[in-house]
Every structure is written in structure tokens, then in C-alpha cells.
């Protein structure tokens, strides 16, 4: 039997119903719209990637010295401790004045270098505890409002708008 002989009235009716012809202009317009959408999405994605890279590069420039700054903070701490340890009598001796003045000038220059590079000391004593900038180490009985910082054990620093090292402090406790 051939294909012609196998046809039933139902299959002949199905073949007779042709799909409506799609207008080529409408088809091209829809393809053009799809291509425009794809181009817009690609352009937006490219712009987002460019912005992200620019922000990452700016952050890298701004915070490149973070690790070095953390390391140099211990030098600043030791210099401050050395200056604090010099007794008043020794400061007043003529033989030691040059040494003391030199150490103080070195500390001032170090603080100026910090300032020029966006490194700022976090204020603490007399302020309320801010867990984003201070690390409470102990509570001390005090006449101050509970939660107020009464002593700074180690200075804290910010680099630009980021925490470099929290200030280690003692906080007033009630009673």
C-alpha cells in the first residue's frame, strides 16, 4: 500500500488546514526588538562591570597601605610608651632634653604621616562605648555614666572610613 491509499478522511482534513502565513515584516520586527533588548542588556552589564572595576581600583588605591599601616601602629604605640615612661626629672635635665625633644618630634612627624595617608586616631575617653570603634577590655567602678569610656589602654585608628584597629578601652560600670 502506498501513502495515498493509507490516507483517511481525518488525515486529509488535517493536511488541508494550513498554518496561517506569518508576515515576514512582523517576524523581522519582533526579531529586531529581541536584538535591541539583548543589546541593551549587554550594554547595561558592561557598564556595571566597568563601574565595579573602577570601584575596586579606587578601593585598592585608597586601602593599599592597610597592612603596612597596621604594622606601623605598633611602632607608634612603642614610641608613645617610651615618651610616657620618661620621668619628669629626666625630661628637665639638660643632658636629656635633646633626646626628649627628638622623640617628641618623631612622634609628631609620625602622626603627620598618618594624617596625610588618611589614618586617624579614634577618640575614646569620655565618650560612650561604640562597638564599631572600641573594644571594651574591662569595666571599672566610676562616677561616670555606665558605658562611658574612662580609660584607653591602646589607641584605635581608622584608615579613611574603615576600621584599622579598634581602641582597647575600660568602661565605667554602674555602682
N, C-alpha and C. Protein backbone atom coordinates (compact mmCIF):
# COMPACT_ATOMS: atom_id res chain seq x y z
N UNK A 1 0.83 -1.16 0.00
CA UNK A 1 0.00 0.00 0.00
C UNK A 1 0.88 1.24 0.00
N UNK A 2 0.42 2.18 -0.76
CA UNK A 2 1.16 3.42 -0.85
C UNK A 2 0.62 4.39 0.18
N UNK A 3 1.31 5.52 0.29
CA UNK A 3 0.89 6.56 1.24
C UNK A 3 -0.47 7.10 0.87
N UNK A 4 -0.75 7.17 -0.41
CA UNK A 4 -2.04 7.69 -0.87
C UNK A 4 -3.17 6.80 -0.40
N UNK A 5 -2.94 5.51 -0.39
CA UNK A 5 -4.01 4.58 -0.01
C UNK A 5 -4.24 4.61 1.50
N UNK A 6 -3.22 4.99 2.31
CA UNK A 6 -3.34 4.99 3.76
C UNK A 6 -4.06 6.22 4.30
N UNK A 7 -4.27 7.19 3.49
CA UNK A 7 -4.88 8.43 3.97
C UNK A 7 -6.34 8.19 4.32
N UNK A 8 -6.68 8.69 5.44
CA UNK A 8 -8.08 8.62 5.89
C UNK A 8 -8.67 10.01 5.75
N UNK A 9 -9.97 10.10 5.89
CA UNK A 9 -10.58 11.43 5.78
C UNK A 9 -10.04 12.40 6.84
N UNK A 10 -9.69 11.91 8.04
CA UNK A 10 -9.17 12.79 9.09
C UNK A 10 -7.81 13.35 8.72
N UNK A 11 -6.91 12.52 8.20
CA UNK A 11 -5.58 13.00 7.83
C UNK A 11 -5.65 13.96 6.67
N UNK A 12 -6.60 13.72 5.74
CA UNK A 12 -6.76 14.64 4.62
C UNK A 12 -7.25 15.99 5.11
N UNK A 13 -8.12 16.01 6.13
CA UNK A 13 -8.63 17.27 6.66
C UNK A 13 -7.50 18.02 7.36
N UNK A 14 -6.65 17.30 8.09
CA UNK A 14 -5.52 17.92 8.78
C UNK A 14 -4.57 18.56 7.79
N UNK A 15 -4.30 17.88 6.69
CA UNK A 15 -3.40 18.41 5.69
C UNK A 15 -4.00 19.63 5.01
N UNK A 16 -5.31 19.64 4.90
CA UNK A 16 -5.97 20.75 4.23
C UNK A 16 -5.87 22.03 5.05
N UNK A 17 -5.79 21.89 6.40
CA UNK A 17 -5.68 23.07 7.26
C UNK A 17 -4.21 23.47 7.26
N UNK A 18 -3.92 24.53 6.58
CA UNK A 18 -2.54 25.01 6.52
C UNK A 18 -2.34 26.04 7.63
N UNK A 19 -1.10 26.12 8.06
CA UNK A 19 -0.79 27.14 9.06
C UNK A 19 -0.92 28.49 8.39
N UNK A 20 -1.43 29.46 9.15
CA UNK A 20 -1.56 30.79 8.55
C UNK A 20 -0.16 31.34 8.23
N UNK A 21 -0.05 32.03 7.19
CA UNK A 21 1.22 32.59 6.77
C UNK A 21 1.62 33.72 7.71
N UNK A 22 2.86 33.69 8.19
CA UNK A 22 3.37 34.74 9.08
C UNK A 22 3.96 35.82 8.20
N UNK A 23 3.53 37.01 8.50
CA UNK A 23 4.01 38.15 7.75
C UNK A 23 5.51 38.33 8.03
N UNK A 24 6.36 38.32 7.03
CA UNK A 24 7.81 38.44 7.25
C UNK A 24 8.18 39.76 7.91
N UNK A 25 7.44 40.82 7.68
CA UNK A 25 7.73 42.11 8.29
C UNK A 25 7.52 42.05 9.80
N UNK A 26 6.43 41.45 10.23
CA UNK A 26 6.15 41.31 11.66
C UNK A 26 7.21 40.45 12.32
N UNK A 27 7.59 39.37 11.65
CA UNK A 27 8.62 38.49 12.18
C UNK A 27 9.95 39.24 12.32
N UNK A 28 10.32 40.04 11.35
CA UNK A 28 11.57 40.79 11.39
C UNK A 28 11.52 41.85 12.50
N UNK A 29 10.35 42.49 12.69
CA UNK A 29 10.21 43.49 13.74
C UNK A 29 10.37 42.86 15.12
N UNK A 30 9.81 41.69 15.32
CA UNK A 30 9.94 41.04 16.62
C UNK A 30 11.39 40.60 16.85
N UNK A 31 12.05 40.13 15.80
CA UNK A 31 13.47 39.76 15.93
C UNK A 31 14.32 40.99 16.23
N UNK A 32 13.98 42.12 15.59
CA UNK A 32 14.70 43.36 15.83
C UNK A 32 14.52 43.81 17.27
N UNK A 33 13.29 43.73 17.79
CA UNK A 33 13.02 44.09 19.19
C UNK A 33 13.83 43.21 20.14
N UNK A 34 13.85 41.91 19.86
CA UNK A 34 14.62 40.99 20.70
C UNK A 34 16.10 41.33 20.66
N UNK A 35 16.61 41.66 19.48
CA UNK A 35 18.02 42.02 19.35
C UNK A 35 18.32 43.33 20.08
N UNK A 36 17.39 44.30 20.02
CA UNK A 36 17.57 45.57 20.74
C UNK A 36 17.62 45.31 22.24
N UNK A 37 16.70 44.47 22.75
CA UNK A 37 16.68 44.14 24.18
C UNK A 37 17.99 43.49 24.59
N UNK A 38 18.46 42.54 23.79
CA UNK A 38 19.71 41.85 24.10
C UNK A 38 20.88 42.84 24.12
N UNK A 39 20.88 43.76 23.17
CA UNK A 39 21.95 44.77 23.11
C UNK A 39 21.90 45.68 24.34
N UNK A 40 20.70 46.08 24.75
CA UNK A 40 20.56 46.93 25.94
C UNK A 40 21.03 46.21 27.19
N UNK A 41 20.65 44.95 27.33
CA UNK A 41 21.10 44.17 28.49
C UNK A 41 22.62 44.03 28.49
N UNK A 42 23.21 43.76 27.34
CA UNK A 42 24.66 43.61 27.24
C UNK A 42 25.36 44.93 27.58
N UNK A 43 24.79 46.04 27.10
CA UNK A 43 25.36 47.35 27.37
C UNK A 43 25.28 47.66 28.87
N UNK A 44 24.15 47.36 29.49
CA UNK A 44 23.99 47.60 30.93
C UNK A 44 24.96 46.74 31.73
N UNK A 45 25.11 45.50 31.34
CA UNK A 45 26.03 44.60 32.05
C UNK A 45 27.47 45.09 31.91
N UNK A 46 27.83 45.55 30.74
CA UNK A 46 29.18 46.08 30.51
C UNK A 46 29.43 47.30 31.37
N UNK A 47 28.43 48.17 31.46
CA UNK A 47 28.55 49.37 32.28
C UNK A 47 28.68 48.99 33.76
N UNK A 48 27.91 48.00 34.20
CA UNK A 48 28.00 47.56 35.60
C UNK A 48 29.38 46.98 35.90
N UNK A 49 29.91 46.18 34.98
CA UNK A 49 31.24 45.60 35.18
C UNK A 49 32.29 46.71 35.24
N UNK A 50 32.18 47.69 34.35
CA UNK A 50 33.13 48.81 34.34
C UNK A 50 33.08 49.58 35.66
N UNK A 51 31.86 49.87 36.16
CA UNK A 51 31.72 50.59 37.43
C UNK A 51 32.31 49.78 38.59
N UNK A 52 32.04 48.48 38.58
CA UNK A 52 32.57 47.62 39.64
C UNK A 52 34.09 47.62 39.62
N UNK A 53 34.68 47.53 38.43
CA UNK A 53 36.14 47.55 38.32
C UNK A 53 36.72 48.89 38.75
N UNK A 54 36.06 49.98 38.40
CA UNK A 54 36.52 51.31 38.82
C UNK A 54 36.47 51.44 40.34
N UNK A 55 35.40 50.93 40.95
CA UNK A 55 35.28 50.99 42.41
C UNK A 55 36.35 50.13 43.07
N UNK A 56 36.57 48.93 42.53
CA UNK A 56 37.61 48.05 43.08
C UNK A 56 38.98 48.70 42.97
N UNK A 57 39.26 49.35 41.85
CA UNK A 57 40.55 50.02 41.66
C UNK A 57 40.69 51.19 42.64
N UNK A 58 39.62 51.95 42.83
CA UNK A 58 39.66 53.07 43.77
C UNK A 58 39.87 52.57 45.20
N UNK A 59 39.19 51.48 45.56
CA UNK A 59 39.38 50.90 46.89
C UNK A 59 40.81 50.39 47.06
N UNK A 60 41.33 49.76 46.04
CA UNK A 60 42.71 49.26 46.10
C UNK A 60 43.69 50.40 46.33
N UNK A 61 43.48 51.52 45.63
CA UNK A 61 44.36 52.68 45.83
C UNK A 61 44.20 53.25 47.24
N UNK A 62 42.95 53.37 47.68
CA UNK A 62 42.68 54.00 48.97
C UNK A 62 43.16 53.16 50.15
N UNK A 63 43.05 51.86 50.02
CA UNK A 63 43.36 50.99 51.16
C UNK A 63 44.59 50.11 50.94
N UNK A 64 45.44 50.48 49.99
CA UNK A 64 46.62 49.68 49.69
C UNK A 64 47.57 49.60 50.87
N UNK A 65 47.63 50.64 51.66
CA UNK A 65 48.58 50.70 52.77
C UNK A 65 48.03 50.12 54.07
N UNK A 66 46.89 49.46 54.02
CA UNK A 66 46.25 48.97 55.25
C UNK A 66 47.16 48.04 56.04
N UNK A 67 47.72 47.03 55.41
CA UNK A 67 48.58 46.09 56.14
C UNK A 67 49.82 46.78 56.69
N UNK A 68 50.43 47.64 55.90
CA UNK A 68 51.59 48.38 56.38
C UNK A 68 51.19 49.28 57.55
N UNK A 69 50.05 49.94 57.43
CA UNK A 69 49.58 50.84 58.49
C UNK A 69 49.37 50.07 59.79
N UNK A 70 48.78 48.88 59.70
CA UNK A 70 48.59 48.06 60.92
C UNK A 70 49.92 47.73 61.56
N UNK A 71 50.90 47.40 60.73
CA UNK A 71 52.22 47.06 61.26
C UNK A 71 52.89 48.26 61.91
N UNK A 72 52.76 49.42 61.32
CA UNK A 72 53.44 50.61 61.84
C UNK A 72 52.76 51.15 63.10
N UNK A 73 51.51 50.74 63.35
CA UNK A 73 50.83 51.19 64.58
C UNK A 73 51.57 50.71 65.82
N UNK A 74 52.18 49.54 65.77
CA UNK A 74 52.92 49.05 66.94
C UNK A 74 54.14 49.93 67.19
N UNK A 75 54.74 50.47 66.13
CA UNK A 75 55.86 51.40 66.29
C UNK A 75 55.37 52.67 66.98
N UNK A 76 54.22 53.18 66.54
CA UNK A 76 53.65 54.38 67.16
C UNK A 76 53.32 54.12 68.63
N UNK A 77 52.78 52.94 68.93
CA UNK A 77 52.46 52.59 70.32
C UNK A 77 53.72 52.57 71.17
N UNK A 78 54.78 51.94 70.66
CA UNK A 78 56.03 51.84 71.43
C UNK A 78 56.66 53.22 71.63
N UNK A 79 56.58 54.08 70.63
CA UNK A 79 57.11 55.43 70.77
C UNK A 79 56.33 56.20 71.84
N UNK A 80 55.01 56.06 71.84
CA UNK A 80 54.19 56.72 72.86
C UNK A 80 54.51 56.20 74.25
N UNK A 81 54.68 54.89 74.37
CA UNK A 81 55.02 54.30 75.68
C UNK A 81 56.38 54.81 76.15
N UNK A 82 57.32 54.91 75.23
CA UNK A 82 58.66 55.39 75.58
C UNK A 82 58.58 56.83 76.09
N UNK A 83 57.83 57.67 75.41
CA UNK A 83 57.69 59.06 75.85
C UNK A 83 56.97 59.15 77.19
N UNK A 84 55.95 58.33 77.39
CA UNK A 84 55.21 58.33 78.66
C UNK A 84 56.07 57.84 79.82
N UNK A 85 57.05 57.00 79.53
CA UNK A 85 57.88 56.41 80.58
C UNK A 85 59.01 57.34 81.05
N UNK A 86 59.26 58.41 80.32
CA UNK A 86 60.34 59.32 80.71
C UNK A 86 59.88 60.13 81.92
N UNK A 87 60.58 59.99 83.04
CA UNK A 87 60.20 60.74 84.24
C UNK A 87 60.39 62.26 84.04
N UNK A 88 59.61 63.03 84.77
CA UNK A 88 59.66 64.48 84.65
C UNK A 88 61.07 65.00 84.97
N UNK A 89 61.69 64.46 85.98
CA UNK A 89 63.04 64.91 86.36
C UNK A 89 64.01 64.68 85.20
N UNK A 90 63.90 63.56 84.54
CA UNK A 90 64.79 63.26 83.41
C UNK A 90 64.52 64.20 82.23
N UNK A 91 63.26 64.57 82.05
CA UNK A 91 62.89 65.49 80.96
C UNK A 91 63.55 66.86 81.16
N UNK A 92 63.68 67.24 82.41
CA UNK A 92 64.20 68.57 82.72
C UNK A 92 65.72 68.63 82.73
N UNK A 93 66.39 67.50 82.79
CA UNK A 93 67.86 67.50 82.77
C UNK A 93 68.34 67.97 81.41
N UNK A 94 69.28 68.86 81.44
CA UNK A 94 69.81 69.45 80.21
C UNK A 94 70.41 68.38 79.29
N UNK A 95 71.02 67.37 79.84
CA UNK A 95 71.67 66.33 79.04
C UNK A 95 70.64 65.50 78.26
N UNK A 96 69.43 65.40 78.76
CA UNK A 96 68.40 64.56 78.12
C UNK A 96 67.41 65.34 77.26
N UNK A 97 67.45 66.66 77.31
CA UNK A 97 66.45 67.47 76.58
C UNK A 97 66.48 67.19 75.09
N UNK A 98 67.65 67.05 74.51
CA UNK A 98 67.76 66.79 73.07
C UNK A 98 67.09 65.47 72.69
N UNK A 99 67.30 64.45 73.52
CA UNK A 99 66.70 63.14 73.28
C UNK A 99 65.18 63.23 73.36
N UNK A 100 64.68 63.89 74.40
CA UNK A 100 63.24 64.00 74.60
C UNK A 100 62.61 64.82 73.46
N UNK A 101 63.24 65.94 73.10
CA UNK A 101 62.71 66.77 72.02
C UNK A 101 62.73 65.98 70.71
N UNK A 102 63.77 65.21 70.47
CA UNK A 102 63.86 64.39 69.25
C UNK A 102 62.77 63.33 69.19
N UNK A 103 62.52 62.66 70.32
CA UNK A 103 61.46 61.64 70.37
C UNK A 103 60.08 62.27 70.15
N UNK A 104 59.84 63.43 70.75
CA UNK A 104 58.55 64.11 70.57
C UNK A 104 58.37 64.57 69.12
N UNK A 105 59.46 65.06 68.51
CA UNK A 105 59.38 65.48 67.11
C UNK A 105 59.12 64.27 66.21
N UNK A 106 59.72 63.14 66.53
CA UNK A 106 59.48 61.92 65.75
C UNK A 106 58.03 61.49 65.87
N UNK A 107 57.47 61.57 67.07
CA UNK A 107 56.07 61.21 67.26
C UNK A 107 55.15 62.16 66.49
N UNK A 108 55.42 63.46 66.53
CA UNK A 108 54.61 64.43 65.77
C UNK A 108 54.68 64.14 64.27
N UNK A 109 55.88 63.86 63.77
CA UNK A 109 56.04 63.57 62.34
C UNK A 109 55.30 62.29 61.96
N UNK A 110 55.35 61.28 62.82
CA UNK A 110 54.63 60.03 62.55
C UNK A 110 53.13 60.29 62.49
N UNK A 111 52.61 61.11 63.39
CA UNK A 111 51.18 61.44 63.37
C UNK A 111 50.83 62.26 62.12
N UNK A 112 51.73 63.13 61.68
CA UNK A 112 51.50 63.88 60.44
C UNK A 112 51.47 62.96 59.23
N UNK A 113 52.34 61.97 59.20
CA UNK A 113 52.35 60.98 58.11
C UNK A 113 51.04 60.20 58.12
N UNK A 114 50.61 59.79 59.30
CA UNK A 114 49.32 59.10 59.40
C UNK A 114 48.21 59.97 58.83
N UNK A 115 48.17 61.23 59.24
CA UNK A 115 47.11 62.15 58.80
C UNK A 115 47.13 62.32 57.28
N UNK A 116 48.30 62.47 56.70
CA UNK A 116 48.41 62.64 55.24
C UNK A 116 47.92 61.40 54.49
N UNK A 117 47.99 60.24 55.13
CA UNK A 117 47.58 59.00 54.48
C UNK A 117 46.19 58.54 54.92
N UNK A 118 45.43 59.44 55.54
CA UNK A 118 44.05 59.13 55.89
C UNK A 118 43.90 58.25 57.12
N UNK A 119 44.94 58.18 57.95
CA UNK A 119 44.88 57.37 59.17
C UNK A 119 44.62 58.31 60.34
N UNK A 120 43.49 58.09 61.02
CA UNK A 120 43.10 58.98 62.11
C UNK A 120 42.90 58.19 63.39
N UNK A 121 43.30 58.80 64.48
CA UNK A 121 43.11 58.19 65.79
C UNK A 121 41.64 58.28 66.18
N UNK A 122 41.12 57.22 66.77
CA UNK A 122 39.72 57.19 67.20
C UNK A 122 39.63 57.81 68.59
N UNK A 123 38.82 58.85 68.76
CA UNK A 123 38.64 59.42 70.11
C UNK A 123 37.90 58.41 70.99
N UNK A 124 38.24 58.41 72.29
CA UNK A 124 37.58 57.42 73.14
C UNK A 124 37.24 57.92 74.54
N UNK A 125 38.20 58.38 75.32
CA UNK A 125 37.97 58.70 76.73
C UNK A 125 36.88 59.77 76.86
N UNK A 126 35.89 59.47 77.71
CA UNK A 126 34.79 60.39 77.95
C UNK A 126 33.60 60.19 77.02
N UNK A 127 33.76 59.35 76.01
CA UNK A 127 32.68 59.09 75.05
C UNK A 127 31.98 57.78 75.39
N UNK A 128 30.75 57.60 74.94
CA UNK A 128 30.09 56.31 75.14
C UNK A 128 30.76 55.23 74.28
N UNK A 129 30.73 54.01 74.76
CA UNK A 129 31.33 52.89 74.04
C UNK A 129 30.62 52.68 72.70
N UNK A 130 31.39 52.63 71.64
CA UNK A 130 30.88 52.34 70.30
C UNK A 130 31.51 51.03 69.86
N UNK A 131 30.74 49.95 69.83
CA UNK A 131 31.33 48.64 69.49
C UNK A 131 31.91 48.59 68.08
N UNK A 132 31.59 49.57 67.24
CA UNK A 132 32.17 49.60 65.90
C UNK A 132 33.57 50.20 65.89
N UNK A 133 33.94 50.87 67.00
CA UNK A 133 35.25 51.51 67.06
C UNK A 133 36.04 51.16 68.30
N UNK A 134 35.37 50.70 69.34
CA UNK A 134 36.04 50.41 70.61
C UNK A 134 35.86 48.95 71.00
N UNK A 135 36.87 48.45 71.68
CA UNK A 135 36.77 47.09 72.23
C UNK A 135 36.92 47.21 73.74
N UNK A 136 35.83 46.93 74.46
CA UNK A 136 35.85 47.03 75.92
C UNK A 136 36.66 45.86 76.48
N UNK A 137 37.68 46.18 77.26
CA UNK A 137 38.54 45.15 77.84
C UNK A 137 38.15 44.86 79.29
N UNK A 138 37.82 45.92 80.03
CA UNK A 138 37.43 45.75 81.43
C UNK A 138 36.37 46.80 81.79
N UNK A 139 35.69 46.55 82.91
CA UNK A 139 34.77 47.53 83.48
C UNK A 139 35.38 48.02 84.78
N UNK A 140 35.33 49.31 84.99
CA UNK A 140 35.87 49.91 86.20
C UNK A 140 34.77 50.67 86.93
N UNK A 141 34.76 50.60 88.27
CA UNK A 141 33.80 51.42 89.01
C UNK A 141 34.14 52.89 88.79
N UNK A 142 33.13 53.69 88.52
CA UNK A 142 33.37 55.09 88.21
C UNK A 142 32.12 55.91 88.49
N UNK A 143 32.33 57.23 88.64
CA UNK A 143 31.21 58.15 88.80
C UNK A 143 30.57 58.48 87.46
N UNK A 144 31.23 58.09 86.39
CA UNK A 144 30.72 58.35 85.04
C UNK A 144 29.48 57.51 84.76
N UNK A 145 28.74 57.91 83.74
CA UNK A 145 27.58 57.16 83.27
C UNK A 145 28.04 55.75 82.85
N UNK A 146 27.31 54.69 83.26
CA UNK A 146 27.71 53.35 82.81
C UNK A 146 27.78 53.27 81.28
N UNK A 147 28.84 52.63 80.80
CA UNK A 147 29.04 52.52 79.36
C UNK A 147 29.94 53.61 78.80
N UNK A 148 30.35 54.56 79.65
CA UNK A 148 31.25 55.62 79.22
C UNK A 148 32.69 55.11 79.32
N UNK A 149 33.50 55.47 78.37
CA UNK A 149 34.90 55.05 78.36
C UNK A 149 35.67 55.92 79.36
N UNK A 150 36.33 55.27 80.33
CA UNK A 150 37.06 56.00 81.36
C UNK A 150 38.57 55.89 81.19
N UNK A 151 39.03 54.93 80.39
CA UNK A 151 40.47 54.77 80.20
C UNK A 151 40.73 54.13 78.83
N UNK A 152 41.79 54.58 78.19
CA UNK A 152 42.21 53.99 76.91
C UNK A 152 43.49 53.22 77.15
N UNK A 153 43.46 51.93 76.86
CA UNK A 153 44.64 51.09 77.04
C UNK A 153 45.50 51.06 75.78
N UNK A 154 44.83 51.10 74.64
CA UNK A 154 45.54 51.13 73.36
C UNK A 154 44.70 51.96 72.39
N UNK A 155 45.37 52.88 71.72
CA UNK A 155 44.67 53.77 70.79
C UNK A 155 44.12 52.97 69.61
N UNK A 156 42.98 53.40 69.12
CA UNK A 156 42.39 52.81 67.92
C UNK A 156 42.55 53.75 66.74
N UNK A 157 42.51 53.20 65.53
CA UNK A 157 42.73 54.02 64.34
C UNK A 157 41.78 53.60 63.22
N UNK A 158 41.43 54.60 62.40
CA UNK A 158 40.64 54.40 61.19
C UNK A 158 41.54 54.74 60.01
N UNK A 159 41.35 54.04 58.89
CA UNK A 159 42.00 54.44 57.65
C UNK A 159 40.87 54.80 56.70
N UNK A 160 40.82 56.06 56.34
CA UNK A 160 39.72 56.64 55.58
C UNK A 160 38.42 56.34 56.34
N UNK A 161 37.53 55.50 55.81
CA UNK A 161 36.27 55.23 56.51
C UNK A 161 36.21 53.80 57.04
N UNK A 162 37.35 53.12 57.09
CA UNK A 162 37.39 51.74 57.58
C UNK A 162 38.17 51.65 58.89
N UNK A 163 37.74 50.72 59.72
CA UNK A 163 38.43 50.49 60.99
C UNK A 163 39.76 49.79 60.72
N UNK A 164 40.82 50.40 61.20
CA UNK A 164 42.14 49.80 61.07
C UNK A 164 42.44 48.94 62.30
N UNK A 165 42.14 49.52 63.48
CA UNK A 165 42.30 48.80 64.74
C UNK A 165 41.38 49.44 65.76
N UNK A 166 40.59 48.63 66.48
CA UNK A 166 39.70 49.23 67.49
C UNK A 166 40.51 49.72 68.69
N UNK A 167 40.00 50.73 69.37
CA UNK A 167 40.62 51.22 70.59
C UNK A 167 40.27 50.23 71.71
N UNK A 168 41.27 49.83 72.48
CA UNK A 168 41.03 48.95 73.62
C UNK A 168 40.84 49.83 74.84
N UNK A 169 39.66 49.70 75.46
CA UNK A 169 39.27 50.66 76.50
C UNK A 169 38.72 49.99 77.75
N UNK A 170 38.69 50.80 78.81
CA UNK A 170 38.00 50.42 80.04
C UNK A 170 36.73 51.24 80.11
N UNK A 171 35.64 50.60 80.51
CA UNK A 171 34.32 51.23 80.51
C UNK A 171 33.82 51.34 81.94
N UNK A 172 33.12 52.44 82.24
CA UNK A 172 32.54 52.65 83.56
C UNK A 172 31.40 51.66 83.78
N UNK A 173 31.36 51.11 85.00
CA UNK A 173 30.23 50.24 85.33
C UNK A 173 29.40 50.88 86.42
N UNK A 174 28.17 50.48 86.49
CA UNK A 174 27.24 51.06 87.46
C UNK A 174 27.64 50.69 88.88
N UNK A 175 27.36 51.62 89.81
CA UNK A 175 27.55 51.34 91.21
C UNK A 175 28.94 51.56 91.63
